[in-house]
Amino acid sequence: MGHRLRQSLEMVGHERQQLDELRQSLARQVDELICDNRRLQTTNVDLQRQRDHFEDEKDNLVAEQERQNKERERW
Protein backbone atom coordinates (compact mmCIF):
# COMPACT_ATOMS: atom_id res chain seq x y z
CA MET A 1 0.00 0.00 0.00
CA GLY A 2 2.86 2.40 0.77
CA HIS A 3 4.25 1.91 -2.74
CA ARG A 4 0.94 2.80 -4.40
CA LEU A 5 0.50 5.80 -2.15
CA ARG A 6 3.98 7.03 -3.01
CA GLN A 7 3.30 6.55 -6.75
CA SER A 8 0.02 8.45 -6.43
CA LEU A 9 1.74 11.30 -4.58
CA GLU A 10 4.49 11.43 -7.20
CA MET A 11 1.88 11.51 -9.96
CA VAL A 12 -0.04 14.27 -8.23
CA GLY A 13 3.20 16.20 -7.72
CA HIS A 14 4.10 15.78 -11.40
CA GLU A 15 0.63 16.90 -12.50
CA ARG A 16 0.85 19.87 -10.18
CA GLN A 17 4.21 20.83 -11.68
CA GLN A 18 2.80 20.55 -15.21
CA LEU A 19 -0.21 22.67 -14.27
CA ASP A 20 2.05 25.29 -12.69
CA GLU A 21 4.19 25.42 -15.83
CA LEU A 22 1.05 25.76 -17.94
CA ARG A 23 -0.24 28.54 -15.67
CA GLN A 24 3.07 30.41 -15.99
CA SER A 25 3.05 29.99 -19.76
CA LEU A 26 -0.52 31.26 -20.00
CA ALA A 27 0.31 34.21 -17.73
CA ARG A 28 3.21 35.14 -20.06
CA GLN A 29 0.91 34.87 -23.08
CA VAL A 30 -1.69 37.08 -21.40
CA ASP A 31 1.00 39.68 -20.61
CA GLU A 32 2.18 39.61 -24.23
CA LEU A 33 -1.39 39.98 -25.49
CA ILE A 34 -1.99 42.92 -23.16
CA CYS A 35 1.16 44.60 -24.53
CA ASP A 36 0.06 43.88 -28.11
CA ASN A 37 -3.38 45.28 -27.36
CA ARG A 38 -1.93 48.50 -25.91
CA ARG A 39 0.36 48.88 -28.94
CA LEU A 40 -2.56 48.34 -31.32
CA GLN A 41 -4.75 50.80 -29.41
CA THR A 42 -2.00 53.43 -29.69
CA THR A 43 -1.61 52.73 -33.40
CA ASN A 44 -5.38 52.96 -33.85
CA VAL A 45 -5.51 56.34 -32.12
CA ASP A 46 -2.66 57.59 -34.31
CA LEU A 47 -4.40 56.37 -37.46
CA GLN A 48 -7.68 57.99 -36.41
CA ARG A 49 -5.86 61.30 -35.89
CA GLN A 50 -4.26 61.01 -39.33
CA ARG A 51 -7.65 60.19 -40.87
CA ASP A 52 -9.22 63.21 -39.16
CA HIS A 53 -6.36 65.41 -40.36
CA PHE A 54 -6.77 64.17 -43.96
CA GLU A 55 -10.54 64.68 -43.81
CA ASP A 56 -10.03 68.24 -42.55
CA GLU A 57 -7.49 68.84 -45.29
CA LYS A 58 -9.88 67.45 -47.91
CA ASP A 59 -12.73 69.62 -46.59
CA ASN A 60 -10.47 72.67 -46.76
CA LEU A 61 -9.48 71.85 -50.34
CA VAL A 62 -13.11 71.34 -51.37
CA ALA A 63 -14.08 74.64 -49.76
CA GLU A 64 -11.20 76.41 -51.50
CA GLN A 65 -12.18 74.85 -54.84
CA GLU A 66 -15.78 75.99 -54.36
CA ARG A 67 -14.60 79.50 -53.49
CA GLN A 68 -12.45 79.62 -56.61
CA ASN A 69 -15.32 78.35 -58.76
CA LYS A 70 -17.66 81.05 -57.41
CA GLU A 71 -15.01 83.65 -57.99
CA ARG A 72 -14.62 82.53 -61.64
CA GLU A 73 -18.39 82.61 -62.10
CA ARG A 74 -18.41 86.28 -61.10
CA TRP A 75 -16.04 87.14 -63.91
PDB file of N, CA and C in Angstrom:
ATOM      1  N   MET A   1       0.816  -1.192   0.000  1.00  0.00           N
ATOM      2  CA  MET A   1       0.000   0.000   0.000  1.00  0.00           C
ATOM      3  C   MET A   1       0.864   1.261   0.000  1.00  0.00           C
ATOM      4  N   GLY A   2       1.978   1.240   0.727  1.00  0.00           N
ATOM      5  CA  GLY A   2       2.861   2.396   0.769  1.00  0.00           C
ATOM      6  C   GLY A   2       3.420   2.733  -0.594  1.00  0.00           C
ATOM      7  N   HIS A   3       3.695   1.691  -1.394  1.00  0.00           N
ATOM      8  CA  HIS A   3       4.247   1.915  -2.735  1.00  0.00           C
ATOM      9  C   HIS A   3       3.225   2.623  -3.639  1.00  0.00           C
ATOM     10  N   ARG A   4       1.974   2.161  -3.588  1.00  0.00           N
ATOM     11  CA  ARG A   4       0.936   2.801  -4.404  1.00  0.00           C
ATOM     12  C   ARG A   4       0.677   4.228  -3.952  1.00  0.00           C
ATOM     13  N   LEU A   5       0.704   4.448  -2.677  1.00  0.00           N
ATOM     14  CA  LEU A   5       0.499   5.802  -2.153  1.00  0.00           C
ATOM     15  C   LEU A   5       1.616   6.713  -2.625  1.00  0.00           C
ATOM     16  N   ARG A   6       2.840   6.228  -2.577  1.00  0.00           N
ATOM     17  CA  ARG A   6       3.985   7.026  -3.014  1.00  0.00           C
ATOM     18  C   ARG A   6       3.867   7.330  -4.516  1.00  0.00           C
ATOM     19  N   GLN A   7       3.478   6.341  -5.310  1.00  0.00           N
ATOM     20  CA  GLN A   7       3.297   6.551  -6.745  1.00  0.00           C
ATOM     21  C   GLN A   7       2.206   7.597  -7.020  1.00  0.00           C
ATOM     22  N   SER A   8       1.121   7.484  -6.269  1.00  0.00           N
ATOM     23  CA  SER A   8       0.019   8.452  -6.433  1.00  0.00           C
ATOM     24  C   SER A   8       0.483   9.856  -6.069  1.00  0.00           C
ATOM     25  N   LEU A   9       1.231   9.984  -4.980  1.00  0.00           N
ATOM     26  CA  LEU A   9       1.741  11.296  -4.579  1.00  0.00           C
ATOM     27  C   LEU A   9       2.709  11.847  -5.618  1.00  0.00           C
ATOM     28  N   GLU A  10       3.553  10.989  -6.166  1.00  0.00           N
ATOM     29  CA  GLU A  10       4.492  11.429  -7.201  1.00  0.00           C
ATOM     30  C   GLU A  10       3.734  11.890  -8.446  1.00  0.00           C
ATOM     31  N   MET A  11       2.686  11.140  -8.809  1.00  0.00           N
ATOM     32  CA  MET A  11       1.885  11.507  -9.963  1.00  0.00           C
ATOM     33  C   MET A  11       1.184  12.840  -9.737  1.00  0.00           C
ATOM     34  N   VAL A  12       0.629  13.010  -8.556  1.00  0.00           N
ATOM     35  CA  VAL A  12      -0.042  14.266  -8.228  1.00  0.00           C
ATOM     36  C   VAL A  12       0.968  15.415  -8.246  1.00  0.00           C
ATOM     37  N   GLY A  13       2.151  15.168  -7.697  1.00  0.00           N
ATOM     38  CA  GLY A  13       3.196  16.201  -7.715  1.00  0.00           C
ATOM     39  C   GLY A  13       3.603  16.555  -9.134  1.00  0.00           C
ATOM     40  N   HIS A  14       3.744  15.545 -10.002  1.00  0.00           N
ATOM     41  CA  HIS A  14       4.102  15.779 -11.396  1.00  0.00           C
ATOM     42  C   HIS A  14       3.001  16.564 -12.110  1.00  0.00           C
ATOM     43  N   GLU A  15       1.750  16.184 -11.883  1.00  0.00           N
ATOM     44  CA  GLU A  15       0.626  16.899 -12.495  1.00  0.00           C
ATOM     45  C   GLU A  15       0.576  18.338 -12.014  1.00  0.00           C
ATOM     46  N   ARG A  16       0.852  18.519 -10.740  1.00  0.00           N
ATOM     47  CA  ARG A  16       0.847  19.869 -10.176  1.00  0.00           C
ATOM     48  C   ARG A  16       1.939  20.701 -10.830  1.00  0.00           C
ATOM     49  N   GLN A  17       3.104  20.124 -11.034  1.00  0.00           N
ATOM     50  CA  GLN A  17       4.208  20.833 -11.676  1.00  0.00           C
ATOM     51  C   GLN A  17       3.831  21.211 -13.112  1.00  0.00           C
ATOM     52  N   GLN A  18       3.218  20.270 -13.832  1.00  0.00           N
ATOM     53  CA  GLN A  18       2.802  20.553 -15.207  1.00  0.00           C
ATOM     54  C   GLN A  18       1.765  21.675 -15.245  1.00  0.00           C
ATOM     55  N   LEU A  19       0.818  21.626 -14.316  1.00  0.00           N
ATOM     56  CA  LEU A  19      -0.206  22.672 -14.271  1.00  0.00           C
ATOM     57  C   LEU A  19       0.404  24.026 -13.930  1.00  0.00           C
ATOM     58  N   ASP A  20       1.388  24.041 -13.040  1.00  0.00           N
ATOM     59  CA  ASP A  20       2.050  25.292 -12.687  1.00  0.00           C
ATOM     60  C   ASP A  20       2.814  25.853 -13.886  1.00  0.00           C
ATOM     61  N   GLU A  21       3.485  24.968 -14.629  1.00  0.00           N
ATOM     62  CA  GLU A  21       4.192  25.419 -15.827  1.00  0.00           C
ATOM     63  C   GLU A  21       3.214  25.959 -16.862  1.00  0.00           C
ATOM     64  N   LEU A  22       2.084  25.298 -17.005  1.00  0.00           N
ATOM     65  CA  LEU A  22       1.055  25.760 -17.935  1.00  0.00           C
ATOM     66  C   LEU A  22       0.512  27.117 -17.493  1.00  0.00           C
ATOM     67  N   ARG A  23       0.261  27.259 -16.202  1.00  0.00           N
ATOM     68  CA  ARG A  23      -0.237  28.538 -15.669  1.00  0.00           C
ATOM     69  C   ARG A  23       0.752  29.657 -15.955  1.00  0.00           C
ATOM     70  N   GLN A  24       2.048  29.395 -15.732  1.00  0.00           N
ATOM     71  CA  GLN A  24       3.072  30.409 -15.989  1.00  0.00           C
ATOM     72  C   GLN A  24       3.128  30.764 -17.479  1.00  0.00           C
ATOM     73  N   SER A  25       3.035  29.750 -18.322  1.00  0.00           N
ATOM     74  CA  SER A  25       3.048  29.988 -19.762  1.00  0.00           C
ATOM     75  C   SER A  25       1.847  30.826 -20.186  1.00  0.00           C
ATOM     76  N   LEU A  26       0.683  30.490 -19.667  1.00  0.00           N
ATOM     77  CA  LEU A  26      -0.523  31.256 -19.998  1.00  0.00           C
ATOM     78  C   LEU A  26      -0.423  32.684 -19.474  1.00  0.00           C
ATOM     79  N   ALA A  27       0.143  32.865 -18.298  1.00  0.00           N
ATOM     80  CA  ALA A  27       0.306  34.209 -17.734  1.00  0.00           C
ATOM     81  C   ALA A  27       1.228  35.041 -18.639  1.00  0.00           C
ATOM     82  N   ARG A  28       2.312  34.429 -19.146  1.00  0.00           N
ATOM     83  CA  ARG A  28       3.208  35.144 -20.065  1.00  0.00           C
ATOM     84  C   ARG A  28       2.467  35.521 -21.347  1.00  0.00           C
ATOM     85  N   GLN A  29       1.673  34.591 -21.862  1.00  0.00           N
ATOM     86  CA  GLN A  29       0.915  34.874 -23.079  1.00  0.00           C
ATOM     87  C   GLN A  29      -0.088  36.010 -22.859  1.00  0.00           C
ATOM     88  N   VAL A  30      -0.734  36.006 -21.719  1.00  0.00           N
ATOM     89  CA  VAL A  30      -1.685  37.076 -21.398  1.00  0.00           C
ATOM     90  C   VAL A  30      -0.953  38.416 -21.340  1.00  0.00           C
ATOM     91  N   ASP A  31       0.212  38.443 -20.683  1.00  0.00           N
ATOM     92  CA  ASP A  31       1.002  39.676 -20.612  1.00  0.00           C
ATOM     93  C   ASP A  31       1.389  40.162 -22.002  1.00  0.00           C
ATOM     94  N   GLU A  32       1.809  39.242 -22.867  1.00  0.00           N
ATOM     95  CA  GLU A  32       2.179  39.611 -24.232  1.00  0.00           C
ATOM     96  C   GLU A  32       0.975  40.153 -24.998  1.00  0.00           C
ATOM     97  N   LEU A  33      -0.181  39.515 -24.812  1.00  0.00           N
ATOM     98  CA  LEU A  33      -1.391  39.976 -25.494  1.00  0.00           C
ATOM     99  C   LEU A  33      -1.823  41.356 -24.994  1.00  0.00           C
ATOM    100  N   ILE A  34      -1.657  41.595 -23.707  1.00  0.00           N
ATOM    101  CA  ILE A  34      -1.986  42.917 -23.160  1.00  0.00           C
ATOM    102  C   ILE A  34      -1.079  43.972 -23.784  1.00  0.00           C
ATOM    103  N   CYS A  35       0.213  43.662 -23.896  1.00  0.00           N
ATOM    104  CA  CYS A  35       1.160  44.596 -24.530  1.00  0.00           C
ATOM    105  C   CYS A  35       0.787  44.824 -25.994  1.00  0.00           C
ATOM    106  N   ASP A  36       0.468  43.746 -26.706  1.00  0.00           N
ATOM    107  CA  ASP A  36       0.059  43.881 -28.109  1.00  0.00           C
ATOM    108  C   ASP A  36      -1.196  44.731 -28.221  1.00  0.00           C
ATOM    109  N   ASN A  37      -2.139  44.519 -27.346  1.00  0.00           N
ATOM    110  CA  ASN A  37      -3.381  45.282 -27.362  1.00  0.00           C
ATOM    111  C   ASN A  37      -3.115  46.772 -27.137  1.00  0.00           C
ATOM    112  N   ARG A  38      -2.261  47.086 -26.170  1.00  0.00           N
ATOM    113  CA  ARG A  38      -1.926  48.499 -25.911  1.00  0.00           C
ATOM    114  C   ARG A  38      -1.262  49.124 -27.132  1.00  0.00           C
ATOM    115  N   ARG A  39      -0.339  48.378 -27.758  1.00  0.00           N
ATOM    116  CA  ARG A  39       0.360  48.880 -28.939  1.00  0.00           C
ATOM    117  C   ARG A  39      -0.643  49.118 -30.067  1.00  0.00           C
ATOM    118  N   LEU A  40      -1.563  48.191 -30.258  1.00  0.00           N
ATOM    119  CA  LEU A  40      -2.559  48.341 -31.315  1.00  0.00           C
ATOM    120  C   LEU A  40      -3.523  49.489 -31.031  1.00  0.00           C
ATOM    121  N   GLN A  41      -3.871  49.679 -29.768  1.00  0.00           N
ATOM    122  CA  GLN A  41      -4.746  50.805 -29.415  1.00  0.00           C
ATOM    123  C   GLN A  41      -4.056  52.133 -29.719  1.00  0.00           C
ATOM    124  N   THR A  42      -2.767  52.211 -29.409  1.00  0.00           N
ATOM    125  CA  THR A  42      -2.004  53.429 -29.687  1.00  0.00           C
ATOM    126  C   THR A  42      -1.935  53.676 -31.189  1.00  0.00           C
ATOM    127  N   THR A  43      -1.667  52.613 -31.944  1.00  0.00           N
ATOM    128  CA  THR A  43      -1.608  52.732 -33.397  1.00  0.00           C
ATOM    129  C   THR A  43      -2.958  53.163 -33.950  1.00  0.00           C
ATOM    130  N   ASN A  44      -4.031  52.600 -33.407  1.00  0.00           N
ATOM    131  CA  ASN A  44      -5.377  52.956 -33.848  1.00  0.00           C
ATOM    132  C   ASN A  44      -5.662  54.438 -33.603  1.00  0.00           C
ATOM    133  N   VAL A  45      -5.300  54.933 -32.437  1.00  0.00           N
ATOM    134  CA  VAL A  45      -5.514  56.345 -32.121  1.00  0.00           C
ATOM    135  C   VAL A  45      -4.725  57.217 -33.099  1.00  0.00           C
ATOM    136  N   ASP A  46      -3.475  56.833 -33.365  1.00  0.00           N
ATOM    137  CA  ASP A  46      -2.655  57.593 -34.312  1.00  0.00           C
ATOM    138  C   ASP A  46      -3.281  57.607 -35.702  1.00  0.00           C
ATOM    139  N   LEU A  47      -3.768  56.451 -36.142  1.00  0.00           N
ATOM    140  CA  LEU A  47      -4.398  56.373 -37.458  1.00  0.00           C
ATOM    141  C   LEU A  47      -5.690  57.186 -37.521  1.00  0.00           C
ATOM    142  N   GLN A  48      -6.453  57.188 -36.437  1.00  0.00           N
ATOM    143  CA  GLN A  48      -7.679  57.991 -36.407  1.00  0.00           C
ATOM    144  C   GLN A  48      -7.347  59.477 -36.496  1.00  0.00           C
ATOM    145  N   ARG A  49      -6.279  59.888 -35.820  1.00  0.00           N
ATOM    146  CA  ARG A  49      -5.856  61.298 -35.893  1.00  0.00           C
ATOM    147  C   ARG A  49      -5.433  61.653 -37.313  1.00  0.00           C
ATOM    148  N   GLN A  50      -4.674  60.755 -37.948  1.00  0.00           N
ATOM    149  CA  GLN A  50      -4.258  61.008 -39.329  1.00  0.00           C
ATOM    150  C   GLN A  50      -5.474  61.092 -40.250  1.00  0.00           C
ATOM    151  N   ARG A  51      -6.427  60.173 -40.061  1.00  0.00           N
ATOM    152  CA  ARG A  51      -7.646  60.193 -40.873  1.00  0.00           C
ATOM    153  C   ARG A  51      -8.383  61.512 -40.694  1.00  0.00           C
ATOM    154  N   ASP A  52      -8.531  61.945 -39.436  1.00  0.00           N
ATOM    155  CA  ASP A  52      -9.220  63.207 -39.163  1.00  0.00           C
ATOM    156  C   ASP A  52      -8.488  64.377 -39.815  1.00  0.00           C
ATOM    157  N   HIS A  53      -7.161  64.346 -39.749  1.00  0.00           N
ATOM    158  CA  HIS A  53      -6.356  65.406 -40.362  1.00  0.00           C
ATOM    159  C   HIS A  53      -6.588  65.426 -41.877  1.00  0.00           C
ATOM    160  N   PHE A  54      -6.557  64.242 -42.511  1.00  0.00           N
ATOM    161  CA  PHE A  54      -6.770  64.172 -43.956  1.00  0.00           C
ATOM    162  C   PHE A  54      -8.182  64.608 -44.338  1.00  0.00           C
ATOM    163  N   GLU A  55      -9.165  64.246 -43.528  1.00  0.00           N
ATOM    164  CA  GLU A  55     -10.539  64.677 -43.809  1.00  0.00           C
ATOM    165  C   GLU A  55     -10.662  66.193 -43.712  1.00  0.00           C
ATOM    166  N   ASP A  56     -10.017  66.778 -42.679  1.00  0.00           N
ATOM    167  CA  ASP A  56     -10.025  68.236 -42.547  1.00  0.00           C
ATOM    168  C   ASP A  56      -9.342  68.887 -43.747  1.00  0.00           C
ATOM    169  N   GLU A  57      -8.217  68.311 -44.156  1.00  0.00           N
ATOM    170  CA  GLU A  57      -7.486  68.844 -45.292  1.00  0.00           C
ATOM    171  C   GLU A  57      -8.334  68.754 -46.569  1.00  0.00           C
ATOM    172  N   LYS A  58      -9.010  67.631 -46.744  1.00  0.00           N
ATOM    173  CA  LYS A  58      -9.884  67.449 -47.910  1.00  0.00           C
ATOM    174  C   LYS A  58     -11.014  68.477 -47.884  1.00  0.00           C
ATOM    175  N   ASP A  59     -11.634  68.649 -46.711  1.00  0.00           N
ATOM    176  CA  ASP A  59     -12.726  69.622 -46.590  1.00  0.00           C
ATOM    177  C   ASP A  59     -12.234  71.030 -46.930  1.00  0.00           C
ATOM    178  N   ASN A  60     -11.041  71.355 -46.461  1.00  0.00           N
ATOM    179  CA  ASN A  60     -10.471  72.673 -46.760  1.00  0.00           C
ATOM    180  C   ASN A  60     -10.223  72.833 -48.260  1.00  0.00           C
ATOM    181  N   LEU A  61      -9.728  71.787 -48.899  1.00  0.00           N
ATOM    182  CA  LEU A  61      -9.479  71.854 -50.339  1.00  0.00           C
ATOM    183  C   LEU A  61     -10.783  71.980 -51.124  1.00  0.00           C
ATOM    184  N   VAL A  62     -11.806  71.249 -50.702  1.00  0.00           N
ATOM    185  CA  VAL A  62     -13.108  71.338 -51.369  1.00  0.00           C
ATOM    186  C   VAL A  62     -13.676  72.746 -51.202  1.00  0.00           C
ATOM    187  N   ALA A  63     -13.578  73.291 -50.003  1.00  0.00           N
ATOM    188  CA  ALA A  63     -14.082  74.642 -49.756  1.00  0.00           C
ATOM    189  C   ALA A  63     -13.309  75.662 -50.595  1.00  0.00           C
ATOM    190  N   GLU A  64     -12.020  75.500 -50.694  1.00  0.00           N
ATOM    191  CA  GLU A  64     -11.203  76.411 -51.503  1.00  0.00           C
ATOM    192  C   GLU A  64     -11.562  76.288 -52.983  1.00  0.00           C
ATOM    193  N   GLN A  65     -11.777  75.063 -53.446  1.00  0.00           N
ATOM    194  CA  GLN A  65     -12.176  74.845 -54.843  1.00  0.00           C
ATOM    195  C   GLN A  65     -13.522  75.508 -55.123  1.00  0.00           C
ATOM    196  N   GLU A  66     -14.471  75.362 -54.192  1.00  0.00           N
ATOM    197  CA  GLU A  66     -15.784  75.987 -54.361  1.00  0.00           C
ATOM    198  C   GLU A  66     -15.657  77.504 -54.380  1.00  0.00           C
ATOM    199  N   ARG A  67     -14.814  78.050 -53.532  1.00  0.00           N
ATOM    200  CA  ARG A  67     -14.599  79.503 -53.494  1.00  0.00           C
ATOM    201  C   ARG A  67     -14.028  79.988 -54.818  1.00  0.00           C
ATOM    202  N   GLN A  68     -13.048  79.231 -55.331  1.00  0.00           N
ATOM    203  CA  GLN A  68     -12.448  79.616 -56.612  1.00  0.00           C
ATOM    204  C   GLN A  68     -13.461  79.525 -57.753  1.00  0.00           C
ATOM    205  N   ASN A  69     -14.295  78.502 -57.722  1.00  0.00           N
ATOM    206  CA  ASN A  69     -15.319  78.345 -58.757  1.00  0.00           C
ATOM    207  C   ASN A  69     -16.312  79.522 -58.727  1.00  0.00           C
ATOM    208  N   LYS A  70     -16.743  79.919 -57.542  1.00  0.00           N
ATOM    209  CA  LYS A  70     -17.662  81.046 -57.408  1.00  0.00           C
ATOM    210  C   LYS A  70     -17.017  82.325 -57.885  1.00  0.00           C
ATOM    211  N   GLU A  71     -15.720  82.460 -57.575  1.00  0.00           N
ATOM    212  CA  GLU A  71     -15.007  83.653 -57.995  1.00  0.00           C
ATOM    213  C   GLU A  71     -14.923  83.711 -59.519  1.00  0.00           C
ATOM    214  N   ARG A  72     -14.690  82.584 -60.169  1.00  0.00           N
ATOM    215  CA  ARG A  72     -14.624  82.530 -61.638  1.00  0.00           C
ATOM    216  C   ARG A  72     -15.985  82.839 -62.263  1.00  0.00           C
ATOM    217  N   GLU A  73     -17.052  82.369 -61.592  1.00  0.00           N
ATOM    218  CA  GLU A  73     -18.392  82.608 -62.102  1.00  0.00           C
ATOM    219  C   GLU A  73     -18.726  84.098 -62.116  1.00  0.00           C
ATOM    220  N   ARG A  74     -18.159  84.844 -61.178  1.00  0.00           N
ATOM    221  CA  ARG A  74     -18.415  86.276 -61.104  1.00  0.00           C
ATOM    222  C   ARG A  74     -17.778  87.007 -62.270  1.00  0.00           C
ATOM    223  N   TRP A  75     -16.736  86.470 -62.805  1.00  0.00           N
ATOM    224  CA  TRP A  75     -16.042  87.138 -63.913  1.00  0.00           C
ATOM    225  C   TRP A  75     -16.755  86.826 -65.148  1.00  0.00           C
TER     226      TRP A  75
END
